């Protein structure tokens, strides 16, 4: 059962047992409704309250904002202390989808490069953030699956597949496996 102060079933997702929820002290997370089992490997991440300083740095070991500003100066407004890396990666995901449609390889190189940089950090915070706020949602825009699959790092499927199992219908997951195989 959830923590008493948790807000449940805030936004119903496309899957019948999947809801977006918020627990105080944590970020928005995809979870199963009460009584449903969640996806294996679900990661709960600390949130940043806009009224406090960021909690990212002690967990990251590096300042992700420096890399983000260098790769995406146009997203400078999302690199302030009041924003979390999860917000940045979510915005980056929208940019990636547009860049795929526009065949903008320069933007795609920067975006996938930043996500991979997060994934490669020695502490888990940024890697987990990249997984749950970027890689997990890449195949939500299904018509881009071929282009996306070509850009994914080799080892990403083993780390994100449990979340894709939860999000994607069986036939789509099989196609993703084939594309990444």
N, C-alpha and C. Protein backbone atom coordinates (compact mmCIF):
# COMPACT_ATOMS: atom_id res chain seq x y z
N UNK A 1 0.84 -1.18 0.00
CA UNK A 1 0.00 0.00 0.00
C UNK A 1 0.89 1.24 0.00
N UNK A 2 0.49 2.30 -0.67
CA UNK A 2 1.32 3.49 -0.78
C UNK A 2 1.41 4.24 0.55
N UNK A 3 2.39 5.11 0.61
CA UNK A 3 2.52 6.01 1.75
C UNK A 3 1.24 6.81 1.86
N UNK A 4 0.79 7.10 3.07
CA UNK A 4 -0.49 7.76 3.28
C UNK A 4 -0.61 9.11 2.58
N UNK A 5 0.51 9.82 2.44
CA UNK A 5 0.43 11.15 1.85
C UNK A 5 0.59 11.13 0.33
N UNK A 6 0.68 9.94 -0.24
CA UNK A 6 0.84 9.85 -1.68
C UNK A 6 -0.46 10.20 -2.39
N UNK A 7 -0.33 10.80 -3.54
CA UNK A 7 -1.49 11.09 -4.39
C UNK A 7 -1.49 10.01 -5.46
N UNK A 8 -2.54 9.21 -5.51
CA UNK A 8 -2.59 8.08 -6.43
C UNK A 8 -3.54 8.35 -7.59
N UNK A 9 -3.29 7.68 -8.68
CA UNK A 9 -4.17 7.70 -9.84
C UNK A 9 -4.43 9.12 -10.31
N UNK A 10 -3.38 9.89 -10.39
CA UNK A 10 -3.52 11.28 -10.81
C UNK A 10 -3.80 11.36 -12.30
N UNK A 11 -3.07 10.61 -13.07
CA UNK A 11 -3.25 10.66 -14.51
C UNK A 11 -3.18 9.24 -15.06
N UNK A 12 -4.28 8.75 -15.58
CA UNK A 12 -4.30 7.39 -16.12
C UNK A 12 -3.52 7.35 -17.43
N UNK A 13 -2.64 6.40 -17.51
CA UNK A 13 -1.83 6.22 -18.71
C UNK A 13 -2.62 5.38 -19.72
N UNK A 14 -2.02 5.09 -20.85
CA UNK A 14 -2.70 4.31 -21.90
C UNK A 14 -2.89 2.85 -21.48
N UNK A 15 -2.08 2.36 -20.57
CA UNK A 15 -2.22 0.98 -20.12
C UNK A 15 -3.19 0.94 -18.94
N UNK A 16 -4.04 -0.06 -18.87
CA UNK A 16 -5.12 -0.07 -17.89
C UNK A 16 -4.66 -0.02 -16.43
N UNK A 17 -3.51 -0.57 -16.08
CA UNK A 17 -3.08 -0.59 -14.69
C UNK A 17 -1.93 0.37 -14.41
N UNK A 18 -1.66 1.28 -15.33
CA UNK A 18 -0.53 2.18 -15.15
C UNK A 18 -1.02 3.60 -14.93
N UNK A 19 -0.57 4.21 -13.87
CA UNK A 19 -0.94 5.57 -13.52
C UNK A 19 0.31 6.38 -13.29
N UNK A 20 0.20 7.69 -13.49
CA UNK A 20 1.26 8.59 -13.09
C UNK A 20 0.92 9.00 -11.66
N UNK A 21 1.87 8.98 -10.78
CA UNK A 21 1.57 9.38 -9.42
C UNK A 21 2.73 10.19 -8.86
N UNK A 22 2.45 10.86 -7.80
CA UNK A 22 3.46 11.65 -7.13
C UNK A 22 3.43 11.31 -5.65
N UNK A 23 4.59 11.05 -5.11
CA UNK A 23 4.72 10.89 -3.68
C UNK A 23 5.58 12.03 -3.18
N UNK A 24 5.15 12.73 -2.15
CA UNK A 24 5.96 13.82 -1.63
C UNK A 24 7.39 13.36 -1.37
N UNK A 25 8.34 14.17 -1.82
CA UNK A 25 9.75 13.82 -1.67
C UNK A 25 10.28 12.98 -2.81
N UNK A 26 9.45 12.65 -3.77
CA UNK A 26 9.86 11.87 -4.92
C UNK A 26 9.32 12.54 -6.18
N UNK A 27 9.86 12.16 -7.30
CA UNK A 27 9.39 12.73 -8.57
C UNK A 27 8.15 11.98 -9.03
N UNK A 28 7.55 12.48 -10.09
CA UNK A 28 6.45 11.75 -10.72
C UNK A 28 7.01 10.42 -11.18
N UNK A 29 6.25 9.37 -11.02
CA UNK A 29 6.74 8.05 -11.40
C UNK A 29 5.59 7.26 -11.99
N UNK A 30 5.90 6.40 -12.94
CA UNK A 30 4.91 5.47 -13.46
C UNK A 30 4.81 4.31 -12.49
N UNK A 31 3.63 4.06 -12.01
CA UNK A 31 3.44 2.96 -11.07
C UNK A 31 2.15 2.25 -11.39
N UNK A 32 2.03 1.05 -10.92
CA UNK A 32 0.77 0.34 -11.06
C UNK A 32 -0.23 0.87 -10.06
N UNK A 33 -1.52 0.79 -10.38
CA UNK A 33 -2.53 1.24 -9.42
C UNK A 33 -2.49 0.31 -8.21
N UNK A 34 -2.99 0.76 -7.07
CA UNK A 34 -2.95 -0.07 -5.87
C UNK A 34 -3.48 -1.47 -6.16
N UNK A 35 -2.70 -2.46 -5.72
CA UNK A 35 -3.07 -3.84 -5.95
C UNK A 35 -2.45 -4.42 -7.21
N UNK A 36 -1.95 -3.59 -8.11
CA UNK A 36 -1.30 -4.08 -9.33
C UNK A 36 0.20 -4.15 -9.08
N UNK A 37 0.86 -5.04 -9.76
CA UNK A 37 2.31 -5.12 -9.60
C UNK A 37 2.98 -4.15 -10.56
N UNK A 38 4.07 -3.56 -10.14
CA UNK A 38 4.80 -2.61 -10.97
C UNK A 38 5.81 -3.30 -11.83
N UNK A 39 6.44 -2.56 -12.74
CA UNK A 39 7.44 -3.16 -13.62
C UNK A 39 8.68 -3.52 -12.83
N UNK A 40 9.38 -4.57 -13.22
CA UNK A 40 10.63 -4.91 -12.55
C UNK A 40 11.62 -3.77 -12.75
N UNK A 41 12.38 -3.49 -11.75
CA UNK A 41 13.42 -2.47 -11.88
C UNK A 41 12.91 -1.05 -11.83
N UNK A 42 11.65 -0.82 -11.37
CA UNK A 42 11.13 0.54 -11.28
C UNK A 42 12.03 1.36 -10.38
N UNK A 43 12.41 2.52 -10.85
CA UNK A 43 13.31 3.38 -10.10
C UNK A 43 12.54 4.56 -9.56
N UNK A 44 12.64 4.81 -8.26
CA UNK A 44 12.07 6.00 -7.65
C UNK A 44 13.20 6.97 -7.44
N UNK A 45 13.02 8.19 -7.86
CA UNK A 45 14.11 9.15 -7.82
C UNK A 45 13.72 10.35 -6.98
N UNK A 46 14.69 10.93 -6.24
CA UNK A 46 14.39 12.12 -5.45
C UNK A 46 13.96 13.26 -6.36
N UNK A 47 13.04 14.04 -5.87
CA UNK A 47 12.54 15.18 -6.63
C UNK A 47 13.25 16.45 -6.19
N UNK A 48 13.09 17.49 -6.97
CA UNK A 48 13.59 18.79 -6.61
C UNK A 48 12.39 19.69 -6.39
N UNK A 49 12.30 20.25 -5.25
CA UNK A 49 11.24 21.20 -4.95
C UNK A 49 11.70 22.55 -5.47
N UNK A 50 10.87 23.23 -6.22
CA UNK A 50 11.26 24.51 -6.82
C UNK A 50 11.61 25.55 -5.77
N UNK A 51 11.19 25.34 -4.52
CA UNK A 51 11.47 26.31 -3.46
C UNK A 51 12.75 26.00 -2.70
N UNK A 52 13.46 24.96 -3.08
CA UNK A 52 14.70 24.60 -2.40
C UNK A 52 15.81 24.47 -3.41
N UNK A 53 17.00 24.23 -2.93
CA UNK A 53 18.11 24.00 -3.86
C UNK A 53 18.01 22.57 -4.36
N UNK A 54 18.69 22.31 -5.45
CA UNK A 54 18.62 20.99 -6.06
C UNK A 54 19.27 19.93 -5.19
N UNK A 55 18.73 18.72 -5.28
CA UNK A 55 19.30 17.59 -4.56
C UNK A 55 20.16 16.74 -5.48
N UNK A 56 20.30 17.13 -6.72
CA UNK A 56 21.00 16.30 -7.70
C UNK A 56 22.50 16.14 -7.41
N UNK A 57 23.19 17.23 -7.14
CA UNK A 57 24.64 17.21 -7.12
C UNK A 57 25.26 16.16 -6.20
N UNK A 58 24.82 16.04 -4.94
CA UNK A 58 25.45 15.04 -4.08
C UNK A 58 25.29 13.62 -4.63
N UNK A 59 24.21 13.35 -5.32
CA UNK A 59 23.97 12.01 -5.83
C UNK A 59 24.67 11.78 -7.16
N UNK A 60 24.93 12.84 -7.90
CA UNK A 60 25.51 12.73 -9.23
C UNK A 60 27.02 12.56 -9.20
N UNK A 61 27.67 13.30 -8.32
CA UNK A 61 29.12 13.31 -8.32
C UNK A 61 29.68 14.27 -9.36
N UNK A 62 28.84 14.69 -10.30
CA UNK A 62 29.21 15.66 -11.34
C UNK A 62 28.05 16.62 -11.49
N UNK A 63 28.31 17.75 -12.08
CA UNK A 63 27.23 18.70 -12.33
C UNK A 63 26.71 18.50 -13.75
N UNK A 64 25.57 17.86 -13.86
CA UNK A 64 24.99 17.57 -15.18
C UNK A 64 24.69 18.85 -15.95
N UNK A 65 24.48 19.94 -15.23
CA UNK A 65 24.11 21.21 -15.88
C UNK A 65 25.22 21.73 -16.79
N UNK A 66 26.46 21.49 -16.40
CA UNK A 66 27.60 21.93 -17.23
C UNK A 66 27.54 21.23 -18.58
N UNK A 67 27.35 19.92 -18.56
CA UNK A 67 27.25 19.14 -19.81
C UNK A 67 26.01 19.54 -20.60
N UNK A 68 24.90 19.74 -19.91
CA UNK A 68 23.65 20.09 -20.58
C UNK A 68 23.76 21.45 -21.27
N UNK A 69 24.33 22.42 -20.58
CA UNK A 69 24.50 23.75 -21.18
C UNK A 69 25.42 23.71 -22.39
N UNK A 70 26.48 22.92 -22.30
CA UNK A 70 27.43 22.81 -23.42
C UNK A 70 26.76 22.16 -24.63
N UNK A 71 25.97 21.12 -24.40
CA UNK A 71 25.33 20.41 -25.51
C UNK A 71 24.10 21.14 -26.03
N UNK A 72 23.36 21.81 -25.13
CA UNK A 72 22.10 22.45 -25.50
C UNK A 72 21.98 23.84 -24.91
N UNK A 73 22.75 24.80 -25.42
CA UNK A 73 22.63 26.16 -24.89
C UNK A 73 21.22 26.72 -25.04
N UNK A 74 20.47 26.22 -26.01
CA UNK A 74 19.10 26.70 -26.21
C UNK A 74 18.16 26.26 -25.08
N UNK A 75 18.60 25.31 -24.25
CA UNK A 75 17.80 24.88 -23.11
C UNK A 75 18.36 25.40 -21.79
N UNK A 76 19.10 26.48 -21.87
CA UNK A 76 19.70 27.11 -20.68
C UNK A 76 18.67 27.32 -19.57
N UNK A 77 17.46 27.69 -19.93
CA UNK A 77 16.43 27.98 -18.91
C UNK A 77 16.07 26.75 -18.08
N UNK A 78 16.39 25.55 -18.57
CA UNK A 78 16.10 24.32 -17.82
C UNK A 78 17.30 23.81 -17.04
N UNK A 79 18.35 24.60 -17.01
CA UNK A 79 19.57 24.18 -16.34
C UNK A 79 19.80 24.89 -15.02
N UNK A 80 18.81 25.63 -14.56
CA UNK A 80 18.93 26.31 -13.28
C UNK A 80 18.77 25.34 -12.13
N UNK A 81 19.16 25.78 -10.94
CA UNK A 81 19.11 24.93 -9.75
C UNK A 81 17.69 24.46 -9.41
N UNK A 82 16.68 25.18 -9.89
CA UNK A 82 15.30 24.79 -9.57
C UNK A 82 14.78 23.65 -10.44
N UNK A 83 15.54 23.25 -11.44
CA UNK A 83 15.10 22.17 -12.34
C UNK A 83 15.92 20.92 -12.11
N UNK A 84 15.28 19.78 -12.24
CA UNK A 84 15.99 18.51 -12.09
C UNK A 84 16.43 17.99 -13.45
N UNK A 85 17.33 17.06 -13.43
CA UNK A 85 17.79 16.43 -14.66
C UNK A 85 16.63 15.69 -15.34
N UNK A 86 15.66 15.25 -14.58
CA UNK A 86 14.50 14.56 -15.16
C UNK A 86 13.69 15.51 -16.06
N UNK A 87 13.52 16.73 -15.62
CA UNK A 87 12.81 17.73 -16.43
C UNK A 87 13.59 17.97 -17.71
N UNK A 88 14.90 18.13 -17.58
CA UNK A 88 15.74 18.38 -18.75
C UNK A 88 15.63 17.22 -19.74
N UNK A 89 15.75 15.99 -19.25
CA UNK A 89 15.70 14.82 -20.14
C UNK A 89 14.33 14.66 -20.80
N UNK A 90 13.28 15.02 -20.12
CA UNK A 90 11.94 14.96 -20.70
C UNK A 90 11.82 15.96 -21.85
N UNK A 91 12.32 17.16 -21.65
CA UNK A 91 12.33 18.15 -22.73
C UNK A 91 13.21 17.68 -23.88
N UNK A 92 14.34 17.08 -23.53
CA UNK A 92 15.25 16.56 -24.55
C UNK A 92 14.58 15.49 -25.40
N UNK A 93 13.75 14.68 -24.79
CA UNK A 93 13.02 13.65 -25.52
C UNK A 93 12.12 14.26 -26.59
N UNK A 94 11.45 15.35 -26.27
CA UNK A 94 10.63 16.04 -27.28
C UNK A 94 11.50 16.57 -28.43
N UNK A 95 12.66 17.08 -28.09
CA UNK A 95 13.59 17.58 -29.11
C UNK A 95 14.06 16.44 -30.00
N UNK A 96 14.33 15.28 -29.41
CA UNK A 96 14.77 14.10 -30.17
C UNK A 96 13.70 13.68 -31.17
N UNK A 97 12.47 13.65 -30.74
CA UNK A 97 11.39 13.24 -31.65
C UNK A 97 11.28 14.19 -32.84
N UNK A 98 11.36 15.48 -32.57
CA UNK A 98 11.31 16.46 -33.66
C UNK A 98 12.53 16.31 -34.57
N UNK A 99 13.69 16.12 -33.97
CA UNK A 99 14.92 15.97 -34.76
C UNK A 99 14.86 14.72 -35.64
N UNK A 100 14.28 13.65 -35.15
CA UNK A 100 14.12 12.45 -35.98
C UNK A 100 13.23 12.77 -37.18
N UNK A 101 12.13 13.45 -36.94
CA UNK A 101 11.22 13.80 -38.03
C UNK A 101 11.87 14.73 -39.05
N UNK A 102 12.72 15.62 -38.56
CA UNK A 102 13.39 16.60 -39.43
C UNK A 102 14.71 16.08 -39.98
N UNK A 103 15.10 14.86 -39.62
CA UNK A 103 16.40 14.29 -40.00
C UNK A 103 17.54 15.23 -39.61
N UNK A 104 17.46 15.80 -38.43
CA UNK A 104 18.44 16.74 -37.90
C UNK A 104 19.52 15.95 -37.15
N UNK A 105 20.50 15.44 -37.87
CA UNK A 105 21.51 14.57 -37.27
C UNK A 105 22.38 15.29 -36.24
N UNK A 106 22.62 16.56 -36.43
CA UNK A 106 23.43 17.31 -35.47
C UNK A 106 22.74 17.36 -34.11
N UNK A 107 21.46 17.65 -34.08
CA UNK A 107 20.71 17.67 -32.83
C UNK A 107 20.60 16.27 -32.24
N UNK A 108 20.38 15.28 -33.08
CA UNK A 108 20.31 13.90 -32.60
C UNK A 108 21.63 13.46 -31.98
N UNK A 109 22.74 13.82 -32.60
CA UNK A 109 24.05 13.48 -32.03
C UNK A 109 24.23 14.10 -30.65
N UNK A 110 23.85 15.37 -30.51
CA UNK A 110 23.98 16.04 -29.21
C UNK A 110 23.07 15.41 -28.17
N UNK A 111 21.82 15.14 -28.55
CA UNK A 111 20.85 14.61 -27.59
C UNK A 111 21.21 13.20 -27.13
N UNK A 112 21.46 12.31 -28.08
CA UNK A 112 21.83 10.95 -27.70
C UNK A 112 23.18 10.94 -27.00
N UNK A 113 24.05 11.86 -27.37
CA UNK A 113 25.33 11.98 -26.68
C UNK A 113 25.17 12.36 -25.22
N UNK A 114 24.27 13.32 -24.94
CA UNK A 114 24.03 13.71 -23.55
C UNK A 114 23.40 12.57 -22.76
N UNK A 115 22.41 11.90 -23.33
CA UNK A 115 21.77 10.78 -22.64
C UNK A 115 22.78 9.67 -22.34
N UNK A 116 23.66 9.39 -23.29
CA UNK A 116 24.69 8.37 -23.07
C UNK A 116 25.69 8.82 -22.03
N UNK A 117 26.04 10.11 -22.03
CA UNK A 117 26.93 10.64 -21.00
C UNK A 117 26.32 10.39 -19.62
N UNK A 118 25.04 10.66 -19.47
CA UNK A 118 24.35 10.40 -18.20
C UNK A 118 24.43 8.91 -17.85
N UNK A 119 24.17 8.08 -18.84
CA UNK A 119 24.18 6.63 -18.64
C UNK A 119 25.55 6.12 -18.20
N UNK A 120 26.60 6.77 -18.66
CA UNK A 120 27.97 6.32 -18.39
C UNK A 120 28.57 6.85 -17.09
N UNK A 121 27.82 7.67 -16.35
CA UNK A 121 28.37 8.22 -15.11
C UNK A 121 28.51 7.12 -14.07
N UNK A 122 29.58 7.20 -13.26
CA UNK A 122 29.85 6.12 -12.30
C UNK A 122 28.80 5.99 -11.19
N UNK A 123 28.19 7.09 -10.80
CA UNK A 123 27.14 6.99 -9.79
C UNK A 123 25.81 6.74 -10.51
N UNK A 124 24.90 6.06 -9.87
CA UNK A 124 23.67 5.61 -10.53
C UNK A 124 22.64 6.71 -10.77
N UNK A 125 22.71 7.81 -10.06
CA UNK A 125 21.65 8.81 -10.16
C UNK A 125 21.40 9.27 -11.59
N UNK A 126 22.44 9.70 -12.30
CA UNK A 126 22.25 10.18 -13.67
C UNK A 126 21.91 9.05 -14.63
N UNK A 127 22.49 7.89 -14.43
CA UNK A 127 22.16 6.74 -15.28
C UNK A 127 20.69 6.36 -15.11
N UNK A 128 20.23 6.31 -13.86
CA UNK A 128 18.82 6.00 -13.62
C UNK A 128 17.91 7.07 -14.20
N UNK A 129 18.33 8.33 -14.08
CA UNK A 129 17.54 9.43 -14.65
C UNK A 129 17.42 9.27 -16.16
N UNK A 130 18.51 8.95 -16.82
CA UNK A 130 18.48 8.77 -18.28
C UNK A 130 17.57 7.60 -18.66
N UNK A 131 17.60 6.55 -17.86
CA UNK A 131 16.77 5.38 -18.16
C UNK A 131 15.29 5.72 -18.00
N UNK A 132 14.89 6.31 -16.87
CA UNK A 132 13.46 6.51 -16.63
C UNK A 132 12.88 7.76 -17.29
N UNK A 133 13.70 8.74 -17.59
CA UNK A 133 13.16 9.98 -18.17
C UNK A 133 13.46 10.13 -19.65
N UNK A 134 14.27 9.25 -20.21
CA UNK A 134 14.62 9.36 -21.63
C UNK A 134 14.44 8.01 -22.34
N UNK A 135 15.31 7.05 -22.05
CA UNK A 135 15.30 5.79 -22.79
C UNK A 135 13.99 5.02 -22.65
N UNK A 136 13.39 5.02 -21.48
CA UNK A 136 12.14 4.28 -21.28
C UNK A 136 11.04 4.75 -22.23
N UNK A 137 11.03 6.01 -22.57
CA UNK A 137 9.94 6.61 -23.35
C UNK A 137 10.23 6.75 -24.84
N UNK A 138 11.40 6.35 -25.28
CA UNK A 138 11.76 6.54 -26.69
C UNK A 138 10.78 5.89 -27.65
N UNK A 139 10.31 4.69 -27.33
CA UNK A 139 9.44 3.99 -28.27
C UNK A 139 7.96 4.34 -28.10
N UNK A 140 7.67 5.36 -27.31
CA UNK A 140 6.28 5.83 -27.20
C UNK A 140 5.80 6.41 -28.53
N UNK A 141 6.72 6.94 -29.29
CA UNK A 141 6.40 7.47 -30.62
C UNK A 141 6.78 6.38 -31.63
N UNK A 142 5.88 5.44 -31.81
CA UNK A 142 6.16 4.18 -32.49
C UNK A 142 6.64 4.34 -33.93
N UNK A 143 6.15 5.32 -34.63
CA UNK A 143 6.57 5.44 -36.04
C UNK A 143 8.05 5.78 -36.20
N UNK A 144 8.71 6.17 -35.12
CA UNK A 144 10.14 6.50 -35.18
C UNK A 144 11.03 5.34 -34.72
N UNK A 145 10.45 4.18 -34.50
CA UNK A 145 11.17 3.05 -33.91
C UNK A 145 12.43 2.65 -34.67
N UNK A 146 12.39 2.66 -35.99
CA UNK A 146 13.56 2.24 -36.77
C UNK A 146 14.71 3.24 -36.60
N UNK A 147 14.39 4.52 -36.67
CA UNK A 147 15.41 5.55 -36.51
C UNK A 147 15.99 5.55 -35.10
N UNK A 148 15.11 5.35 -34.12
CA UNK A 148 15.56 5.33 -32.72
C UNK A 148 16.46 4.13 -32.46
N UNK A 149 16.05 2.97 -32.92
CA UNK A 149 16.83 1.75 -32.68
C UNK A 149 18.25 1.87 -33.22
N UNK A 150 18.42 2.56 -34.32
CA UNK A 150 19.75 2.72 -34.91
C UNK A 150 20.68 3.54 -34.02
N UNK A 151 20.13 4.34 -33.14
CA UNK A 151 20.95 5.25 -32.33
C UNK A 151 21.17 4.78 -30.90
N UNK A 152 20.56 3.69 -30.51
CA UNK A 152 20.68 3.26 -29.12
C UNK A 152 22.01 2.57 -28.83
N UNK A 153 22.59 2.86 -27.66
CA UNK A 153 23.82 2.17 -27.27
C UNK A 153 23.57 0.67 -27.14
N UNK A 154 24.58 -0.12 -27.41
CA UNK A 154 24.45 -1.58 -27.40
C UNK A 154 23.88 -2.12 -26.11
N UNK A 155 24.32 -1.64 -24.99
CA UNK A 155 23.93 -2.24 -23.72
C UNK A 155 22.62 -1.69 -23.15
N UNK A 156 21.98 -0.78 -23.84
CA UNK A 156 20.80 -0.13 -23.26
C UNK A 156 19.61 -1.07 -23.13
N UNK A 157 19.44 -1.98 -24.06
CA UNK A 157 18.26 -2.87 -24.03
C UNK A 157 18.20 -3.68 -22.75
N UNK A 158 19.34 -4.20 -22.31
CA UNK A 158 19.32 -5.02 -21.09
C UNK A 158 18.95 -4.19 -19.86
N UNK A 159 19.22 -2.90 -19.89
CA UNK A 159 18.92 -2.05 -18.74
C UNK A 159 17.49 -1.50 -18.78
N UNK A 160 16.94 -1.28 -19.96
CA UNK A 160 15.63 -0.64 -20.08
C UNK A 160 14.53 -1.64 -20.42
N UNK A 161 14.89 -2.79 -20.92
CA UNK A 161 13.88 -3.75 -21.37
C UNK A 161 12.81 -4.04 -20.33
N UNK A 162 13.14 -4.20 -19.04
CA UNK A 162 12.06 -4.45 -18.06
C UNK A 162 11.01 -3.33 -18.05
N UNK A 163 11.42 -2.11 -18.29
CA UNK A 163 10.47 -1.01 -18.34
C UNK A 163 9.70 -1.01 -19.65
N UNK A 164 10.38 -1.38 -20.73
CA UNK A 164 9.67 -1.51 -22.01
C UNK A 164 8.64 -2.64 -21.93
N UNK A 165 8.97 -3.72 -21.23
CA UNK A 165 8.00 -4.82 -21.06
C UNK A 165 6.72 -4.31 -20.42
N UNK A 166 6.85 -3.40 -19.51
CA UNK A 166 5.70 -2.85 -18.81
C UNK A 166 4.91 -1.89 -19.70
N UNK A 167 5.60 -1.15 -20.56
CA UNK A 167 4.96 -0.09 -21.34
C UNK A 167 4.45 -0.54 -22.71
N UNK A 168 5.16 -1.45 -23.34
CA UNK A 168 4.85 -1.80 -24.73
C UNK A 168 4.01 -3.08 -24.83
N UNK A 169 3.08 -3.11 -25.78
CA UNK A 169 2.37 -4.36 -26.05
C UNK A 169 3.37 -5.43 -26.49
N UNK A 170 3.03 -6.68 -26.29
CA UNK A 170 3.93 -7.80 -26.57
C UNK A 170 4.47 -7.76 -27.99
N UNK A 171 3.61 -7.49 -28.96
CA UNK A 171 4.07 -7.50 -30.36
C UNK A 171 5.05 -6.36 -30.65
N UNK A 172 4.86 -5.23 -30.00
CA UNK A 172 5.80 -4.12 -30.19
C UNK A 172 7.14 -4.42 -29.51
N UNK A 173 7.07 -5.00 -28.35
CA UNK A 173 8.30 -5.37 -27.64
C UNK A 173 9.10 -6.37 -28.47
N UNK A 174 8.41 -7.32 -29.08
CA UNK A 174 9.09 -8.30 -29.95
C UNK A 174 9.77 -7.60 -31.12
N UNK A 175 9.12 -6.60 -31.67
CA UNK A 175 9.73 -5.86 -32.78
C UNK A 175 10.94 -5.05 -32.30
N UNK A 176 10.84 -4.45 -31.12
CA UNK A 176 11.99 -3.72 -30.56
C UNK A 176 13.15 -4.69 -30.36
N UNK A 177 12.87 -5.86 -29.81
CA UNK A 177 13.93 -6.88 -29.63
C UNK A 177 14.59 -7.21 -30.95
N UNK A 178 13.77 -7.35 -31.99
CA UNK A 178 14.30 -7.68 -33.31
C UNK A 178 15.14 -6.53 -33.85
N UNK A 179 14.66 -5.29 -33.69
CA UNK A 179 15.41 -4.13 -34.17
C UNK A 179 16.74 -3.97 -33.46
N UNK A 180 16.78 -4.31 -32.18
CA UNK A 180 18.00 -4.14 -31.40
C UNK A 180 18.88 -5.38 -31.41
N UNK A 181 18.34 -6.49 -31.94
CA UNK A 181 19.08 -7.75 -31.95
C UNK A 181 20.14 -7.76 -32.95
